[in-house]
Each structure stands twice: as C-alpha cells, then as structure tokens.
Amino acid sequence: MNPKVAIILINYKDYANRFLTECRDSLRAQTYPADSFAVYIVDNATSDKSRQYLAECYPEAKVIPRPDGNYSAGNNTGINAARQDGMTLFAIANMDTRFEPDWLAELVKGVLSAPDIGIAQSKLLLYPQNDDERKDPLINSLGNVQHYLGFGYTSGYRQKVSACVNIGEISSISGYASGCALIVKDELLKKIGDYNEDFYMYHDDVELSWRAKLAGYKIVLAPRSAVFHKYEFNRSVRMYYYMERNRYMVLFNFYRWRTILLLLPILFIMELGVAGFSVLRGGFITKLRVYGYYLKPGSWWRIFRARRAVARFRQVTDKQVLSTMSGRLDFSEVNNWVLENLGNPICELYFYLIKKIIVW
C-alpha cells in the first residue's frame, strides 16, 4: 500500500495568479497514485478574491484560508489539516514550480529508503530560459550548505546537469534540505515538533533540518525527484530582516551556550562586515531592527522555550553538528572581494580552530 502524502502549497497575494496553473497541471500528471495523495493550498493573507480564484483554478485541492503571511504557520496549518485526514508524509513545496511526473514517487522513495531518514529533498533545477537550458538544465540546488555562523546557500548552483556526476542515486545532504521541495515524515515531526512559527519566513528550512539532525535523523537528496523552480533572487528589505534575524535565532536555539561563547569573537567580526555591507547597500536601518528584536525580553523567552524543547529530543553533540557544516561562504548571487579575500580566510581558520576545541 502506498503511503498517504499531503502536498502543501502556500499562496501569498498574487502567487496563485502567477504560478498555480503550471504547478497544478504538473501535479495532476504525477505517476504516484492519485488516491494516495492530496493537495492542500494554504491561502496566506487570504481574501475573498484569492479564495475564489483558488477554488476555480484547482477545485480538487483543499483550500485553507489564513489571515496573515506567516509562512511557517501556514505550513503548520496545512500539516495539521493533513494529519486529520490520515496523511503520514508531508511534501512541502513552493508554488513557483513545475514538477516532473515522477517527482512525488521518487521523493517518497527517497524519504522511505531508510528508517533513520527524516527529510528528503528533490533535485531543484532552474526553470529553463532558452533551448540550451531546456536540453541541459541548470541546477538550482542539490541540497544546501550550512555555514557555522548560521548562513545557508545552495549546492551546485547554476551547474549544468550534464556536468554533475554521481547524482543518480539517493545521497546524504550534510547541510540542510531546501524548503522549495522537500518531504518530511510525520514520525519525525511528532518527535521534534512542526515548523517553528517564530521564524515567520526564511531560514525555516535551516531550522527544521537542524532540529532533525539533532534528533539523530538523516537528510537526503532524491535526485530522480526533479522540480523546475522559477527562482528569483530577492534583495527586499523584508527578506533581509528575516534572514538576519533568523540566522541568529538558529544559533541561539541550537548551539550549546559554551559553543556560542567560543563563537562570540568571530560573530563580532562577521557582524562588523555584515553591518558595513548593509550601510553600503542601504539596509542599515533594517539591521538595527534586527538588533532591536534581540533587545526585547520576549525574544529571549522564545529562545529559551525552543532550547528546552530541543533538550528533550537531542541525541547529537555540537561537535557532530559542526562536522556537517562549512567554514566558507559562497553566495553565487553576490560577488564580493572583501568576503572572498578577507572574510572567508578568517572564517575558515576560526572554524578549523574551534573544531579542535569543541568536544561536547
């Protein structure tokens, strides 16, 4: 018998108008048995107009309205509705995608290939812009890299599929699974909890994967589960705020306090660089808002609450977690001389040294 799978899509403002038709058509073409999966669309920042459009465009999907734009809470809304329907696997996917016919079947195969696998990610391909890219697509992500200071970036970005060897079989992701298209076992979520709604949006995939690793679960790439992603690099103020705020939140939520103490010097150096970059790019006011968030007592109450929850299921040490991380930053969209020639050498040296010190 095939496991029951919930496919959870989040609509936000005009996303459905822009992306849902092609996404819907590719889901209707899945080879996974139609009676073994259901589509749940969470209408974030819902309106009468958006609800009507979703019902008309995708009548077989279950549409769930929500009043705000909290992406993490939206995923939890979809997960909880799917649980009530008896679903045991949750495929979280972006709407700006086109799924290959075997996408879901191969993703399910990946996450069920071993009992200690908790999350599987699809092979993410950039949506082709010309004939050459249609013949030989470019990689969006083969699993994401986790930097020890909380940053994350894609692996294999813009490489040609033909140039990528050894990606035909299910393989381990040492960093984290991209939230663009992943599947997670309900068994895992019942142990570690659902999405952390304090994150609101961005870095939610980093946070979920880190918790899974702390609980002793593995994350894998299911390379035969292919998705074309209409990826757009976003430099918005809103994105910058949540990326920076949540970058620190994962560190405070998951590292042991003594690890954080050891990281303070390099965090300070990195902060000087990030703050300086924000001044040059006109984002310093947003950076000040991030500092303001951590001056609020309520923010620390939420961090301590998260740390207590992690302590109940934690099976993995900081030393083990650090072994899955990188000391180098490689942002393909940002070509920065200072980062490449100053920031990365310092970060990599510091990372090498603390890995020698940390035994807990």
Protein backbone atom coordinates (compact mmCIF):
# COMPACT_ATOMS: atom_id res chain seq x y z
CA MET A 1 0.00 0.00 0.00
CA ASN A 2 1.30 3.46 -0.89
CA PRO A 3 1.80 5.92 1.98
CA LYS A 4 -0.67 8.78 2.14
CA VAL A 5 1.06 12.01 1.14
CA ALA A 6 -0.05 15.59 1.62
CA ILE A 7 1.33 18.14 -0.83
CA ILE A 8 1.27 21.52 0.89
CA LEU A 9 1.45 24.72 -1.15
CA ILE A 10 1.41 28.23 0.29
CA ASN A 11 -0.32 31.00 -1.63
CA TYR A 12 0.64 34.58 -0.84
CA LYS A 13 -1.01 37.57 -2.51
CA ASP A 14 -0.65 37.10 -6.30
CA TYR A 15 1.39 33.87 -6.27
CA ALA A 16 -1.51 31.71 -7.42
CA ASN A 17 -2.35 34.04 -10.30
CA ARG A 18 1.26 33.93 -11.47
CA PHE A 19 2.23 30.32 -10.84
CA LEU A 20 -0.59 27.95 -9.92
CA THR A 21 -1.74 26.84 -13.38
CA GLU A 22 1.53 25.20 -14.42
CA CYS A 23 2.13 23.89 -10.91
CA ARG A 24 -1.37 22.35 -10.86
CA ASP A 25 -1.00 20.74 -14.28
CA SER A 26 2.28 19.11 -13.30
CA LEU A 27 0.74 17.77 -10.07
CA ARG A 28 -2.17 16.32 -12.00
CA ALA A 29 0.35 14.47 -14.18
CA GLN A 30 2.09 12.69 -11.29
CA THR A 31 2.70 8.95 -11.59
CA TYR A 32 2.12 8.49 -7.85
CA PRO A 33 -1.39 7.02 -7.41
CA ALA A 34 -3.96 9.81 -7.31
CA ASP A 35 -5.83 8.17 -4.43
CA SER A 36 -2.67 8.23 -2.29
CA PHE A 37 -2.02 11.97 -2.21
CA ALA A 38 -3.95 15.17 -1.72
CA VAL A 39 -3.09 18.81 -2.33
CA TYR A 40 -3.58 21.39 0.40
CA ILE A 41 -3.30 25.07 -0.50
CA VAL A 42 -2.91 27.38 2.46
CA ASP A 43 -4.09 30.83 1.40
CA ASN A 44 -1.87 33.13 3.45
CA ALA A 45 -3.09 36.73 3.71
CA THR A 46 -6.36 35.42 2.36
CA SER A 47 -9.08 37.45 0.64
CA ASP A 48 -12.44 36.67 -0.94
CA LYS A 49 -10.88 37.15 -4.36
CA SER A 50 -7.96 34.78 -3.72
CA ARG A 51 -10.19 32.08 -2.23
CA GLN A 52 -12.50 32.23 -5.23
CA TYR A 53 -9.59 32.02 -7.67
CA LEU A 54 -8.06 29.01 -5.89
CA ALA A 55 -11.39 27.17 -5.80
CA GLU A 56 -11.95 27.74 -9.51
CA CYS A 57 -8.38 27.06 -10.64
CA TYR A 58 -7.75 23.93 -8.55
CA PRO A 59 -11.13 22.55 -7.42
CA GLU A 60 -9.77 19.20 -6.19
CA ALA A 61 -7.30 20.90 -3.82
CA LYS A 62 -8.27 21.65 -0.24
CA VAL A 63 -8.02 25.41 0.29
CA ILE A 64 -7.39 26.62 3.84
CA PRO A 65 -7.58 30.38 4.48
CA ARG A 66 -5.23 32.16 6.90
CA PRO A 67 -5.24 35.85 7.82
CA ASP A 68 -1.51 36.66 7.86
CA GLY A 69 1.61 35.96 5.82
CA ASN A 70 3.43 33.74 8.32
CA TYR A 71 4.96 31.08 6.06
CA SER A 72 5.94 28.73 8.89
CA ALA A 73 2.49 28.93 10.45
CA GLY A 74 0.97 28.36 7.02
CA ASN A 75 2.88 25.11 6.65
CA ASN A 76 1.71 24.03 10.11
CA THR A 77 -1.87 24.80 9.14
CA GLY A 78 -1.54 22.51 6.13
CA ILE A 79 0.22 19.80 8.14
CA ASN A 80 -2.45 19.79 10.85
CA ALA A 81 -5.26 19.57 8.29
CA ALA A 82 -3.47 16.72 6.53
CA ARG A 83 -2.94 14.85 9.80
CA GLN A 84 -6.66 14.91 10.42
CA ASP A 85 -7.08 13.25 7.01
CA GLY A 86 -4.66 10.45 7.94
CA MET A 87 -1.63 11.64 5.95
CA THR A 88 1.76 10.37 7.16
CA LEU A 89 4.12 12.17 4.79
CA PHE A 90 4.13 15.90 4.08
CA ALA A 91 5.61 17.27 0.85
CA ILE A 92 6.26 20.98 1.34
CA ALA A 93 6.68 22.76 -1.98
CA ASN A 94 6.79 26.21 -3.50
CA MET A 95 4.08 27.19 -5.93
CA ASP A 96 6.53 28.73 -8.45
CA THR A 97 7.48 25.27 -9.68
CA ARG A 98 6.86 22.64 -12.33
CA PHE A 99 7.12 19.04 -11.14
CA GLU A 100 8.36 16.21 -13.32
CA PRO A 101 5.89 13.26 -13.50
CA ASP A 102 7.93 11.02 -11.16
CA TRP A 103 8.61 13.84 -8.70
CA LEU A 104 6.42 12.61 -5.87
CA ALA A 105 7.04 8.88 -6.38
CA GLU A 106 10.80 9.38 -6.27
CA LEU A 107 10.60 11.77 -3.32
CA VAL A 108 8.60 9.23 -1.31
CA LYS A 109 11.08 6.54 -2.30
CA GLY A 110 13.92 8.73 -1.03
CA VAL A 111 12.48 9.50 2.39
CA LEU A 112 11.45 5.87 2.95
CA SER A 113 14.76 4.38 1.80
CA ALA A 114 15.99 4.02 5.41
CA PRO A 115 14.28 4.28 8.82
CA ASP A 116 16.67 6.97 10.09
CA ILE A 117 15.92 9.34 7.19
CA GLY A 118 13.58 12.10 8.27
CA ILE A 119 13.66 14.53 5.33
CA ALA A 120 14.32 14.17 1.60
CA GLN A 121 14.84 17.00 -0.89
CA SER A 122 14.14 16.96 -4.62
CA LYS A 123 16.71 17.85 -7.24
CA LEU A 124 15.94 21.51 -7.91
CA LEU A 125 16.51 22.80 -11.43
CA LEU A 126 16.31 26.38 -12.63
CA TYR A 127 13.33 26.94 -14.89
CA PRO A 128 14.80 26.97 -18.44
CA GLN A 129 15.06 30.32 -20.17
CA ASN A 130 16.22 29.12 -23.60
CA ASP A 131 16.66 26.00 -25.76
CA ASP A 132 20.12 25.22 -24.36
CA GLU A 133 18.77 25.18 -20.81
CA ARG A 134 15.82 23.04 -21.87
CA LYS A 135 18.25 20.46 -23.30
CA ASP A 136 20.70 20.64 -20.39
CA PRO A 137 19.08 22.31 -17.36
CA LEU A 138 20.95 24.27 -14.73
CA ILE A 139 21.00 23.26 -11.08
CA ASN A 140 19.19 25.37 -8.51
CA SER A 141 20.06 23.13 -5.54
CA LEU A 142 21.39 19.65 -4.82
CA GLY A 143 20.97 20.21 -1.11
CA ASN A 144 22.00 23.34 0.75
CA VAL A 145 25.22 24.13 2.62
CA GLN A 146 25.02 25.18 6.27
CA HIS A 147 27.66 27.68 7.45
CA TYR A 148 28.62 27.51 11.11
CA LEU A 149 27.61 31.16 11.67
CA GLY A 150 24.04 30.49 10.56
CA PHE A 151 24.23 31.37 6.87
CA GLY A 152 22.99 28.98 4.22
CA TYR A 153 23.48 28.70 0.48
CA THR A 154 22.75 26.30 -2.36
CA SER A 155 24.98 23.49 -3.55
CA GLY A 156 25.65 23.13 -7.28
CA TYR A 157 24.02 26.43 -8.21
CA ARG A 158 23.93 27.07 -11.99
CA GLN A 159 25.97 23.99 -12.83
CA LYS A 160 24.78 22.05 -15.86
CA VAL A 161 23.09 18.77 -15.04
CA SER A 162 25.34 17.03 -17.57
CA ALA A 163 28.41 18.20 -15.61
CA CYS A 164 27.17 16.81 -12.30
CA VAL A 165 28.36 13.27 -11.74
CA ASN A 166 27.16 10.77 -9.15
CA ILE A 167 23.77 12.38 -8.59
CA GLY A 168 21.72 9.47 -9.87
CA GLU A 169 21.30 7.74 -6.53
CA ILE A 170 19.89 8.81 -3.18
CA SER A 171 22.67 10.56 -1.27
CA SER A 172 23.19 12.28 2.06
CA ILE A 173 22.80 16.04 2.46
CA SER A 174 25.22 17.21 5.13
CA GLY A 175 23.74 20.70 5.37
CA TYR A 176 20.00 21.22 5.07
CA ALA A 177 17.13 20.49 2.72
CA SER A 178 15.80 23.37 0.65
CA GLY A 179 12.25 24.33 1.56
CA CYS A 180 11.42 24.69 -2.14
CA ALA A 181 10.59 20.99 -2.42
CA LEU A 182 11.09 18.57 0.45
CA ILE A 183 9.21 15.75 2.12
CA VAL A 184 9.16 15.09 5.86
CA LYS A 185 7.90 12.14 7.88
CA ASP A 186 5.15 12.75 10.40
CA GLU A 187 7.09 10.41 12.69
CA LEU A 188 9.90 12.99 12.77
CA LEU A 189 7.60 15.96 13.35
CA LYS A 190 5.88 14.20 16.24
CA LYS A 191 9.29 13.88 17.87
CA ILE A 192 10.78 17.32 17.18
CA GLY A 193 7.67 19.45 16.59
CA ASP A 194 6.31 21.13 13.48
CA TYR A 195 7.64 24.31 11.88
CA ASN A 196 8.78 26.97 14.35
CA GLU A 197 6.28 29.78 13.82
CA ASP A 198 8.60 32.33 15.47
CA PHE A 199 10.65 32.22 12.25
CA TYR A 200 7.74 33.61 10.22
CA MET A 201 9.58 33.21 6.89
CA TYR A 202 13.10 32.47 5.63
CA HIS A 203 15.57 30.09 7.30
CA ASP A 204 12.63 27.85 8.25
CA ASP A 205 14.27 25.06 6.23
CA VAL A 206 17.58 25.59 8.05
CA GLU A 207 15.78 25.41 11.38
CA LEU A 208 13.77 22.28 10.55
CA SER A 209 16.80 20.42 9.19
CA TRP A 210 18.96 21.37 12.18
CA ARG A 211 16.35 20.02 14.58
CA ALA A 212 16.08 16.82 12.57
CA LYS A 213 19.85 16.31 12.75
CA LEU A 214 19.89 16.98 16.50
CA ALA A 215 17.29 14.22 16.89
CA GLY A 216 19.56 11.80 15.04
CA TYR A 217 17.74 11.77 11.70
CA LYS A 218 19.39 11.98 8.28
CA ILE A 219 18.57 14.27 5.36
CA VAL A 220 18.94 13.03 1.80
CA LEU A 221 18.76 14.17 -1.80
CA ALA A 222 16.35 12.24 -4.03
CA PRO A 223 17.91 13.14 -7.41
CA ARG A 224 15.31 11.41 -9.56
CA SER A 225 12.67 13.61 -7.98
CA ALA A 226 13.06 16.66 -10.22
CA VAL A 227 11.50 20.10 -9.91
CA PHE A 228 11.88 23.14 -12.14
CA HIS A 229 11.95 26.26 -9.99
CA LYS A 230 11.19 29.78 -11.24
CA TYR A 231 13.85 31.12 -8.90
CA GLU A 232 14.19 34.88 -8.45
CA PHE A 233 16.97 36.33 -6.29
CA ASN A 234 15.33 38.72 -3.85
CA ARG A 235 17.05 41.63 -2.09
CA SER A 236 13.94 43.02 -0.42
CA VAL A 237 14.05 44.75 2.96
CA ARG A 238 11.64 42.18 4.34
CA MET A 239 13.80 39.27 3.25
CA TYR A 240 16.95 40.87 4.69
CA TYR A 241 15.30 41.42 8.07
CA TYR A 242 14.06 37.86 8.47
CA MET A 243 17.22 36.26 7.06
CA GLU A 244 19.42 38.14 9.53
CA ARG A 245 17.06 37.82 12.48
CA ASN A 246 16.54 34.11 11.90
CA ARG A 247 20.21 33.45 11.23
CA TYR A 248 20.92 34.39 14.82
CA MET A 249 17.87 32.56 16.08
CA VAL A 250 19.11 29.18 14.83
CA LEU A 251 22.43 29.76 16.59
CA PHE A 252 20.77 30.74 19.87
CA ASN A 253 18.21 27.92 19.65
CA PHE A 254 20.58 25.05 18.92
CA TYR A 255 24.20 25.61 19.94
CA ARG A 256 25.30 24.86 23.50
CA TRP A 257 25.98 28.08 25.41
CA ARG A 258 29.70 27.27 25.63
CA THR A 259 29.79 26.91 21.85
CA ILE A 260 28.15 30.31 21.47
CA LEU A 261 30.73 31.74 23.89
CA LEU A 262 33.54 30.39 21.73
CA LEU A 263 31.88 31.83 18.63
CA LEU A 264 31.49 35.36 20.01
CA PRO A 265 34.79 36.74 18.60
CA ILE A 266 34.12 35.54 15.05
CA LEU A 267 30.45 36.54 15.32
CA PHE A 268 31.59 40.06 16.24
CA ILE A 269 33.99 40.20 13.28
CA MET A 270 31.32 38.90 10.93
CA GLU A 271 28.83 41.38 12.34
CA LEU A 272 31.16 44.26 11.51
CA GLY A 273 31.30 43.03 7.94
CA VAL A 274 27.56 42.44 7.60
CA ALA A 275 26.72 45.80 9.19
CA GLY A 276 29.20 47.56 6.92
CA PHE A 277 27.72 45.84 3.88
CA SER A 278 24.23 46.90 5.00
CA VAL A 279 25.37 50.54 5.19
CA LEU A 280 26.71 50.39 1.64
CA ARG A 281 23.53 48.73 0.36
CA GLY A 282 21.14 51.00 2.25
CA GLY A 283 19.98 48.32 4.68
CA PHE A 284 21.41 49.58 7.97
CA ILE A 285 18.01 50.64 9.36
CA THR A 286 16.81 47.09 8.78
CA LYS A 287 19.92 45.78 10.54
CA LEU A 288 19.10 48.00 13.53
CA ARG A 289 15.63 46.43 13.63
CA VAL A 290 17.30 43.02 13.97
CA TYR A 291 19.31 44.30 16.95
CA GLY A 292 16.11 45.73 18.39
CA TYR A 293 14.42 42.34 18.19
CA TYR A 294 17.06 40.79 20.44
CA LEU A 295 16.76 43.60 22.97
CA LYS A 296 13.19 42.50 23.74
CA PRO A 297 12.73 40.13 26.71
CA GLY A 298 10.01 38.26 24.80
CA SER A 299 12.51 37.28 22.10
CA TRP A 300 14.73 35.58 24.66
CA TRP A 301 11.76 33.87 26.29
CA ARG A 302 11.01 32.28 22.90
CA ILE A 303 14.66 31.24 22.51
CA PHE A 304 14.75 29.59 25.95
CA ARG A 305 11.47 27.84 25.17
CA ALA A 306 12.97 26.45 21.95
CA ARG A 307 16.13 25.34 23.77
CA ARG A 308 14.09 23.45 26.37
CA ALA A 309 12.16 21.69 23.61
CA VAL A 310 15.39 20.67 21.85
CA ALA A 311 16.87 19.31 25.08
CA ARG A 312 14.06 16.74 25.27
CA PHE A 313 14.98 15.00 22.00
CA ARG A 314 18.62 15.94 21.40
CA GLN A 315 20.86 12.97 20.59
CA VAL A 316 23.67 14.70 18.69
CA THR A 317 26.52 16.84 20.02
CA ASP A 318 27.67 20.24 18.75
CA LYS A 319 30.89 18.57 17.61
CA GLN A 320 28.90 16.20 15.41
CA VAL A 321 26.73 19.01 14.04
CA LEU A 322 29.77 21.15 13.22
CA SER A 323 31.21 18.26 11.21
CA THR A 324 28.27 18.69 8.79
CA MET A 325 28.87 22.42 8.31
CA SER A 326 31.13 24.63 6.24
CA GLY A 327 33.53 27.40 7.21
CA ARG A 328 33.27 29.04 3.80
CA LEU A 329 30.62 31.35 2.40
CA ASP A 330 29.84 31.04 -1.29
CA PHE A 331 26.96 33.28 -2.32
CA SER A 332 26.70 32.85 -6.09
CA GLU A 333 24.50 35.94 -6.45
CA VAL A 334 26.91 38.18 -4.52
CA ASN A 335 30.44 38.72 -5.85
CA ASN A 336 32.28 40.46 -3.02
CA TRP A 337 36.06 40.93 -2.96
CA VAL A 338 36.20 41.53 0.80
CA LEU A 339 34.28 38.33 1.56
CA GLU A 340 36.40 36.23 -0.78
CA ASN A 341 39.82 37.57 0.21
CA LEU A 342 39.33 38.54 3.84
CA GLY A 343 36.10 37.20 5.29
CA ASN A 344 36.37 33.61 4.08
CA PRO A 345 40.02 33.05 5.11
CA ILE A 346 39.28 34.36 8.62
CA CYS A 347 36.08 32.33 8.96
CA GLU A 348 37.72 29.15 7.70
CA LEU A 349 40.69 29.50 10.05
CA TYR A 350 38.43 30.13 13.04
CA PHE A 351 36.24 27.19 12.08
CA TYR A 352 39.29 24.93 11.89
CA LEU A 353 40.42 26.03 15.36
CA ILE A 354 37.09 25.69 17.17
CA LYS A 355 36.52 22.22 15.74
CA LYS A 356 39.74 21.25 17.52
CA ILE A 357 38.48 22.73 20.80
CA ILE A 358 34.83 21.66 20.89
CA VAL A 359 34.45 18.14 22.25
CA TRP A 360 30.86 18.46 23.53
